[in-house]
Amino acid sequence: MDWGNVTAEDLIDALREVDWSSPPRPLAEFFSRFTVPRSSSKWNSRLKCNLYYYRTNYFILIVSVLILGFLRRPLAIVAALLTALSIAFLNDSFAGTFSEKATRTVRQFSPHLAAKMRPPLTPVIRGRPSAKRAIYICGRPRWVFVLVFSSASFFLWFVSAGLLTVLWALAIGLLATILHASFRTPNLKARLNTFREEFRAVWRNYSEL
């Protein structure tokens, strides 16, 4: 995959569909071999490749910085977690995994209620789904959970007055992420992972024919 030709929209779509349950890369690999990119095109390609390959590490880094910034504002931590959760629901893999685990947990106490949490069946026409499969969480459209958690986080932000704190912490976390992604030289594992994701994309398009 030529990361120099990948647009920001393509990268965001790839991050939305990727499996975020994968463990983070080892610290020895994460903090090894930093070099300055030789050109703007090299920097652009390296930035996108590292953002995709080390996505879990960057997520943990940003969350850690946010937690350190909120040690004096416990209510703001709850607001930040709700905001992060509402954003995470936009990821297809996370939404599906969350719905499955929540339904499995409820089934242990109330099988009847768990049956109501199943997503509706998608109509099939001539062996194919009639439209792109909508994402449901616990039997409800995804936007319901995003709206509820976003509203709750907004209320907590207003009550805790910790918006300035999160902006500073988020800026520091994003700056550290961009600096690392810019100077971390992609290794062989990152390139092989890129080829694997490209093969999956090609196979996915082929299977839909």
C-alpha atoms as a PDB file:
ATOM      1  CA  MET A   1       0.000   0.000   0.000  1.00  0.00           C
ATOM      2  CA  ASP A   2       1.394   3.378  -1.023  1.00  0.00           C
ATOM      3  CA  TRP A   3       0.731   5.494   2.072  1.00  0.00           C
ATOM      4  CA  GLY A   4       1.717   8.619   0.178  1.00  0.00           C
ATOM      5  CA  ASN A   5      -1.431   8.307  -1.930  1.00  0.00           C
ATOM      6  CA  VAL A   6      -3.721   7.585   1.032  1.00  0.00           C
ATOM      7  CA  THR A   7      -5.894  10.560   1.938  1.00  0.00           C
ATOM      8  CA  ALA A   8      -6.894  11.556   5.456  1.00  0.00           C
ATOM      9  CA  GLU A   9     -10.451  10.352   4.755  1.00  0.00           C
ATOM     10  CA  ASP A  10      -9.146   6.925   3.716  1.00  0.00           C
ATOM     11  CA  LEU A  11      -7.067   6.709   6.876  1.00  0.00           C
ATOM     12  CA  ILE A  12     -10.041   7.622   9.076  1.00  0.00           C
ATOM     13  CA  ASP A  13     -12.238   5.040   7.328  1.00  0.00           C
ATOM     14  CA  ALA A  14      -9.545   2.403   7.833  1.00  0.00           C
ATOM     15  CA  LEU A  15      -9.248   3.245  11.532  1.00  0.00           C
ATOM     16  CA  ARG A  16     -13.049   3.046  11.905  1.00  0.00           C
ATOM     17  CA  GLU A  17     -13.178  -0.469  10.463  1.00  0.00           C
ATOM     18  CA  VAL A  18     -10.011  -1.868  12.036  1.00  0.00           C
ATOM     19  CA  ASP A  19     -10.009  -4.268  14.950  1.00  0.00           C
ATOM     20  CA  TRP A  20      -8.958  -2.222  17.999  1.00  0.00           C
ATOM     21  CA  SER A  21      -8.870  -5.257  20.278  1.00  0.00           C
ATOM     22  CA  SER A  22      -5.340  -6.090  19.088  1.00  0.00           C
ATOM     23  CA  PRO A  23      -2.693  -5.709  21.825  1.00  0.00           C
ATOM     24  CA  PRO A  24      -0.253  -2.769  21.696  1.00  0.00           C
ATOM     25  CA  ARG A  25       3.167  -3.124  20.127  1.00  0.00           C
ATOM     26  CA  PRO A  26       6.075  -3.896  22.518  1.00  0.00           C
ATOM     27  CA  LEU A  27       7.735  -0.855  24.105  1.00  0.00           C
ATOM     28  CA  ALA A  28      11.152  -1.981  22.842  1.00  0.00           C
ATOM     29  CA  GLU A  29       9.793  -1.780  19.308  1.00  0.00           C
ATOM     30  CA  PHE A  30       7.778   1.369  19.956  1.00  0.00           C
ATOM     31  CA  PHE A  31      10.823   3.350  21.161  1.00  0.00           C
ATOM     32  CA  SER A  32      13.476   2.149  18.719  1.00  0.00           C
ATOM     33  CA  ARG A  33      15.150   3.731  15.697  1.00  0.00           C
ATOM     34  CA  PHE A  34      14.118   7.318  15.119  1.00  0.00           C
ATOM     35  CA  THR A  35      15.237   9.161  12.006  1.00  0.00           C
ATOM     36  CA  VAL A  36      14.352  12.439  10.313  1.00  0.00           C
ATOM     37  CA  PRO A  37      12.268  12.017   7.120  1.00  0.00           C
ATOM     38  CA  ARG A  38      14.184  13.147   4.045  1.00  0.00           C
ATOM     39  CA  SER A  39      11.262  14.807   2.278  1.00  0.00           C
ATOM     40  CA  SER A  40       7.696  15.914   2.852  1.00  0.00           C
ATOM     41  CA  SER A  41       6.376  12.955   0.853  1.00  0.00           C
ATOM     42  CA  LYS A  42       8.419  10.546   3.002  1.00  0.00           C
ATOM     43  CA  TRP A  43       7.119  12.237   6.124  1.00  0.00           C
ATOM     44  CA  ASN A  44       3.520  12.048   4.902  1.00  0.00           C
ATOM     45  CA  SER A  45       3.824   8.349   4.084  1.00  0.00           C
ATOM     46  CA  ARG A  46       5.617   7.551   7.360  1.00  0.00           C
ATOM     47  CA  LEU A  47       3.078   9.469   9.439  1.00  0.00           C
ATOM     48  CA  LYS A  48       0.096   7.595   8.008  1.00  0.00           C
ATOM     49  CA  CYS A  49       1.819   4.205   8.216  1.00  0.00           C
ATOM     50  CA  ASN A  50       2.817   4.648  11.864  1.00  0.00           C
ATOM     51  CA  LEU A  51      -0.575   6.031  12.861  1.00  0.00           C
ATOM     52  CA  TYR A  52      -2.174   2.884  11.508  1.00  0.00           C
ATOM     53  CA  TYR A  53       0.434   0.399  12.764  1.00  0.00           C
ATOM     54  CA  TYR A  54       0.846   1.834  16.294  1.00  0.00           C
ATOM     55  CA  ARG A  55      -2.790   2.898  16.698  1.00  0.00           C
ATOM     56  CA  THR A  56      -3.265   1.001  19.971  1.00  0.00           C
ATOM     57  CA  ASN A  57      -0.066   2.439  21.464  1.00  0.00           C
ATOM     58  CA  TYR A  58      -1.112   5.972  20.550  1.00  0.00           C
ATOM     59  CA  PHE A  59      -4.545   5.436  22.039  1.00  0.00           C
ATOM     60  CA  ILE A  60      -3.015   4.260  25.329  1.00  0.00           C
ATOM     61  CA  LEU A  61      -0.599   7.197  25.261  1.00  0.00           C
ATOM     62  CA  ILE A  62      -3.358   9.780  24.836  1.00  0.00           C
ATOM     63  CA  VAL A  63      -5.529   8.150  27.494  1.00  0.00           C
ATOM     64  CA  SER A  64      -2.584   8.084  29.927  1.00  0.00           C
ATOM     65  CA  VAL A  65      -1.895  11.784  29.397  1.00  0.00           C
ATOM     66  CA  LEU A  66      -5.579  12.560  29.923  1.00  0.00           C
ATOM     67  CA  ILE A  67      -5.630  10.580  33.167  1.00  0.00           C
ATOM     68  CA  LEU A  68      -2.568  12.414  34.479  1.00  0.00           C
ATOM     69  CA  GLY A  69      -4.202  15.732  33.640  1.00  0.00           C
ATOM     70  CA  PHE A  70      -7.415  14.798  35.444  1.00  0.00           C
ATOM     71  CA  LEU A  71      -6.018  13.558  38.756  1.00  0.00           C
ATOM     72  CA  ARG A  72      -7.355  16.689  40.476  1.00  0.00           C
ATOM     73  CA  ARG A  73     -10.710  16.570  38.689  1.00  0.00           C
ATOM     74  CA  PRO A  74     -12.349  13.153  39.199  1.00  0.00           C
ATOM     75  CA  LEU A  75     -15.616  14.269  37.600  1.00  0.00           C
ATOM     76  CA  ALA A  76     -13.733  15.379  34.508  1.00  0.00           C
ATOM     77  CA  ILE A  77     -12.251  11.877  34.217  1.00  0.00           C
ATOM     78  CA  VAL A  78     -15.760  10.429  34.007  1.00  0.00           C
ATOM     79  CA  ALA A  79     -16.658  13.025  31.367  1.00  0.00           C
ATOM     80  CA  ALA A  80     -13.554  12.133  29.351  1.00  0.00           C
ATOM     81  CA  LEU A  81     -14.327   8.410  29.557  1.00  0.00           C
ATOM     82  CA  LEU A  82     -17.887   8.989  28.354  1.00  0.00           C
ATOM     83  CA  THR A  83     -16.604  11.144  25.499  1.00  0.00           C
ATOM     84  CA  ALA A  84     -14.060   8.483  24.521  1.00  0.00           C
ATOM     85  CA  LEU A  85     -16.743   5.809  24.710  1.00  0.00           C
ATOM     86  CA  SER A  86     -19.123   7.780  22.502  1.00  0.00           C
ATOM     87  CA  ILE A  87     -16.329   8.200  19.944  1.00  0.00           C
ATOM     88  CA  ALA A  88     -15.379   4.515  20.216  1.00  0.00           C
ATOM     89  CA  PHE A  89     -18.964   3.553  19.350  1.00  0.00           C
ATOM     90  CA  LEU A  90     -18.323   5.035  15.896  1.00  0.00           C
ATOM     91  CA  ASN A  91     -15.839   2.221  15.293  1.00  0.00           C
ATOM     92  CA  ASP A  92     -17.661  -0.758  13.769  1.00  0.00           C
ATOM     93  CA  SER A  93     -15.468  -3.386  15.419  1.00  0.00           C
ATOM     94  CA  PHE A  94     -15.737  -1.837  18.887  1.00  0.00           C
ATOM     95  CA  ALA A  95     -19.498  -1.383  18.596  1.00  0.00           C
ATOM     96  CA  GLY A  96     -20.008  -5.001  17.563  1.00  0.00           C
ATOM     97  CA  THR A  97     -17.721  -6.364  20.289  1.00  0.00           C
ATOM     98  CA  PHE A  98     -19.356  -4.198  22.964  1.00  0.00           C
ATOM     99  CA  SER A  99     -22.828  -5.306  21.907  1.00  0.00           C
ATOM    100  CA  GLU A 100     -21.875  -8.992  21.944  1.00  0.00           C
ATOM    101  CA  LYS A 101     -20.268  -8.815  25.394  1.00  0.00           C
ATOM    102  CA  ALA A 102     -23.150  -6.804  26.854  1.00  0.00           C
ATOM    103  CA  THR A 103     -25.704  -9.236  25.441  1.00  0.00           C
ATOM    104  CA  ARG A 104     -23.732 -12.224  26.726  1.00  0.00           C
ATOM    105  CA  THR A 105     -23.578 -10.686  30.213  1.00  0.00           C
ATOM    106  CA  VAL A 106     -27.311  -9.909  30.293  1.00  0.00           C
ATOM    107  CA  ARG A 107     -28.124 -13.433  29.076  1.00  0.00           C
ATOM    108  CA  GLN A 108     -26.698 -14.858  32.295  1.00  0.00           C
ATOM    109  CA  PHE A 109     -29.351 -13.001  34.319  1.00  0.00           C
ATOM    110  CA  SER A 110     -32.268 -12.595  31.900  1.00  0.00           C
ATOM    111  CA  PRO A 111     -32.356 -14.636  28.659  1.00  0.00           C
ATOM    112  CA  HIS A 112     -35.649 -12.968  27.706  1.00  0.00           C
ATOM    113  CA  LEU A 113     -34.104  -9.488  27.894  1.00  0.00           C
ATOM    114  CA  ALA A 114     -31.000 -10.670  26.028  1.00  0.00           C
ATOM    115  CA  ALA A 115     -33.225 -11.891  23.186  1.00  0.00           C
ATOM    116  CA  LYS A 116     -34.592  -8.353  22.815  1.00  0.00           C
ATOM    117  CA  MET A 117     -31.049  -7.004  22.563  1.00  0.00           C
ATOM    118  CA  ARG A 118     -30.363  -8.860  19.327  1.00  0.00           C
ATOM    119  CA  PRO A 119     -30.034  -6.678  16.212  1.00  0.00           C
ATOM    120  CA  PRO A 120     -32.845  -6.875  13.638  1.00  0.00           C
ATOM    121  CA  LEU A 121     -32.326  -9.124  10.654  1.00  0.00           C
ATOM    122  CA  THR A 122     -31.109  -7.484   7.442  1.00  0.00           C
ATOM    123  CA  PRO A 123     -33.381  -8.256   4.450  1.00  0.00           C
ATOM    124  CA  VAL A 124     -31.656 -10.239   1.698  1.00  0.00           C
ATOM    125  CA  ILE A 125     -32.468  -9.911  -1.993  1.00  0.00           C
ATOM    126  CA  ARG A 126     -31.097 -12.524  -4.418  1.00  0.00           C
ATOM    127  CA  GLY A 127     -28.536 -13.739  -1.931  1.00  0.00           C
ATOM    128  CA  ARG A 128     -27.203 -10.285  -1.094  1.00  0.00           C
ATOM    129  CA  PRO A 129     -28.110  -7.783   1.605  1.00  0.00           C
ATOM    130  CA  SER A 130     -30.507  -5.148   0.258  1.00  0.00           C
ATOM    131  CA  ALA A 131     -28.397  -2.337   1.726  1.00  0.00           C
ATOM    132  CA  LYS A 132     -25.272  -1.761   3.728  1.00  0.00           C
ATOM    133  CA  ARG A 133     -25.638  -3.422   7.120  1.00  0.00           C
ATOM    134  CA  ALA A 134     -26.489  -0.907   9.815  1.00  0.00           C
ATOM    135  CA  ILE A 135     -24.685  -1.135  13.137  1.00  0.00           C
ATOM    136  CA  TYR A 136     -26.800  -1.925  16.195  1.00  0.00           C
ATOM    137  CA  ILE A 137     -25.726  -1.928  19.839  1.00  0.00           C
ATOM    138  CA  CYS A 138     -27.826  -4.039  22.205  1.00  0.00           C
ATOM    139  CA  GLY A 139     -30.666  -4.038  19.681  1.00  0.00           C
ATOM    140  CA  ARG A 140     -30.724  -0.242  19.269  1.00  0.00           C
ATOM    141  CA  PRO A 141     -29.251   1.879  16.462  1.00  0.00           C
ATOM    142  CA  ARG A 142     -25.716   3.015  17.145  1.00  0.00           C
ATOM    143  CA  TRP A 143     -26.606   6.719  17.025  1.00  0.00           C
ATOM    144  CA  VAL A 144     -28.797   6.287  20.147  1.00  0.00           C
ATOM    145  CA  PHE A 145     -25.804   5.284  22.273  1.00  0.00           C
ATOM    146  CA  VAL A 146     -23.596   7.967  20.720  1.00  0.00           C
ATOM    147  CA  LEU A 147     -26.222  10.625  21.466  1.00  0.00           C
ATOM    148  CA  VAL A 148     -26.808   9.464  25.064  1.00  0.00           C
ATOM    149  CA  PHE A 149     -23.143   9.201  26.007  1.00  0.00           C
ATOM    150  CA  SER A 150     -22.286  12.464  24.242  1.00  0.00           C
ATOM    151  CA  SER A 151     -25.056  14.312  26.091  1.00  0.00           C
ATOM    152  CA  ALA A 152     -23.986  12.860  29.446  1.00  0.00           C
ATOM    153  CA  SER A 153     -20.343  13.780  28.821  1.00  0.00           C
ATOM    154  CA  PHE A 154     -21.304  17.323  27.800  1.00  0.00           C
ATOM    155  CA  PHE A 155     -23.234  17.765  31.037  1.00  0.00           C
ATOM    156  CA  LEU A 156     -20.307  16.493  33.117  1.00  0.00           C
ATOM    157  CA  TRP A 157     -17.886  18.756  31.248  1.00  0.00           C
ATOM    158  CA  PHE A 158     -20.084  21.714  32.089  1.00  0.00           C
ATOM    159  CA  VAL A 159     -20.385  20.746  35.766  1.00  0.00           C
ATOM    160  CA  SER A 160     -16.703  19.916  36.319  1.00  0.00           C
ATOM    161  CA  ALA A 161     -15.387  22.929  34.351  1.00  0.00           C
ATOM    162  CA  GLY A 162     -12.529  20.746  33.169  1.00  0.00           C
ATOM    163  CA  LEU A 163     -12.721  21.528  29.462  1.00  0.00           C
ATOM    164  CA  LEU A 164      -9.526  23.607  29.530  1.00  0.00           C
ATOM    165  CA  THR A 165      -7.718  20.767  31.266  1.00  0.00           C
ATOM    166  CA  VAL A 166      -8.728  18.229  28.654  1.00  0.00           C
ATOM    167  CA  LEU A 167      -7.748  20.562  25.833  1.00  0.00           C
ATOM    168  CA  TRP A 168      -4.228  20.944  27.219  1.00  0.00           C
ATOM    169  CA  ALA A 169      -3.890  17.212  27.952  1.00  0.00           C
ATOM    170  CA  LEU A 170      -5.298  16.285  24.541  1.00  0.00           C
ATOM    171  CA  ALA A 171      -2.959  18.732  22.814  1.00  0.00           C
ATOM    172  CA  ILE A 172       0.055  17.223  24.604  1.00  0.00           C
ATOM    173  CA  GLY A 173      -1.052  13.678  23.781  1.00  0.00           C
ATOM    174  CA  LEU A 174      -1.666  14.497  20.112  1.00  0.00           C
ATOM    175  CA  LEU A 175       1.639  16.356  19.850  1.00  0.00           C
ATOM    176  CA  ALA A 176       3.520  13.365  21.309  1.00  0.00           C
ATOM    177  CA  THR A 177       1.696  11.066  18.895  1.00  0.00           C
ATOM    178  CA  ILE A 178       2.509  13.179  15.839  1.00  0.00           C
ATOM    179  CA  LEU A 179       6.153  13.549  16.858  1.00  0.00           C
ATOM    180  CA  HIS A 180       6.562   9.810  17.379  1.00  0.00           C
ATOM    181  CA  ALA A 181       4.769   8.929  14.138  1.00  0.00           C
ATOM    182  CA  SER A 182       6.895  11.456  12.255  1.00  0.00           C
ATOM    183  CA  PHE A 183      10.318  10.270  13.466  1.00  0.00           C
ATOM    184  CA  ARG A 184       9.731   6.550  14.083  1.00  0.00           C
ATOM    185  CA  THR A 185      11.186   4.695  11.099  1.00  0.00           C
ATOM    186  CA  PRO A 186       8.699   2.036   9.890  1.00  0.00           C
ATOM    187  CA  ASN A 187      10.208  -1.401  10.384  1.00  0.00           C
ATOM    188  CA  LEU A 188       9.660  -4.637   8.498  1.00  0.00           C
ATOM    189  CA  LYS A 189       6.708  -5.597  10.714  1.00  0.00           C
ATOM    190  CA  ALA A 190       4.905  -2.374   9.847  1.00  0.00           C
ATOM    191  CA  ARG A 191       5.426  -2.955   6.132  1.00  0.00           C
ATOM    192  CA  LEU A 192       4.278  -6.577   6.356  1.00  0.00           C
ATOM    193  CA  ASN A 193       1.217  -5.459   8.308  1.00  0.00           C
ATOM    194  CA  THR A 194       0.492  -2.939   5.554  1.00  0.00           C
ATOM    195  CA  PHE A 195       0.666  -5.655   2.889  1.00  0.00           C
ATOM    196  CA  ARG A 196      -1.608  -7.886   4.971  1.00  0.00           C
ATOM    197  CA  GLU A 197      -4.225  -5.146   5.364  1.00  0.00           C
ATOM    198  CA  GLU A 198      -4.021  -4.438   1.641  1.00  0.00           C
ATOM    199  CA  PHE A 199      -4.595  -8.135   0.887  1.00  0.00           C
ATOM    200  CA  ARG A 200      -7.593  -8.174   3.242  1.00  0.00           C
ATOM    201  CA  ALA A 201      -9.076  -5.150   1.483  1.00  0.00           C
ATOM    202  CA  VAL A 202      -8.636  -6.781  -1.931  1.00  0.00           C
ATOM    203  CA  TRP A 203     -10.107 -10.069  -0.683  1.00  0.00           C
ATOM    204  CA  ARG A 204     -13.046  -8.237   0.903  1.00  0.00           C
ATOM    205  CA  ASN A 205     -13.825  -6.486  -2.392  1.00  0.00           C
ATOM    206  CA  TYR A 206     -13.470  -9.785  -4.273  1.00  0.00           C
ATOM    207  CA  SER A 207     -15.816 -11.638  -1.919  1.00  0.00           C
ATOM    208  CA  GLU A 208     -18.486  -8.970  -2.401  1.00  0.00           C
ATOM    209  CA  LEU A 209     -18.584  -9.543  -6.170  1.00  0.00           C
END
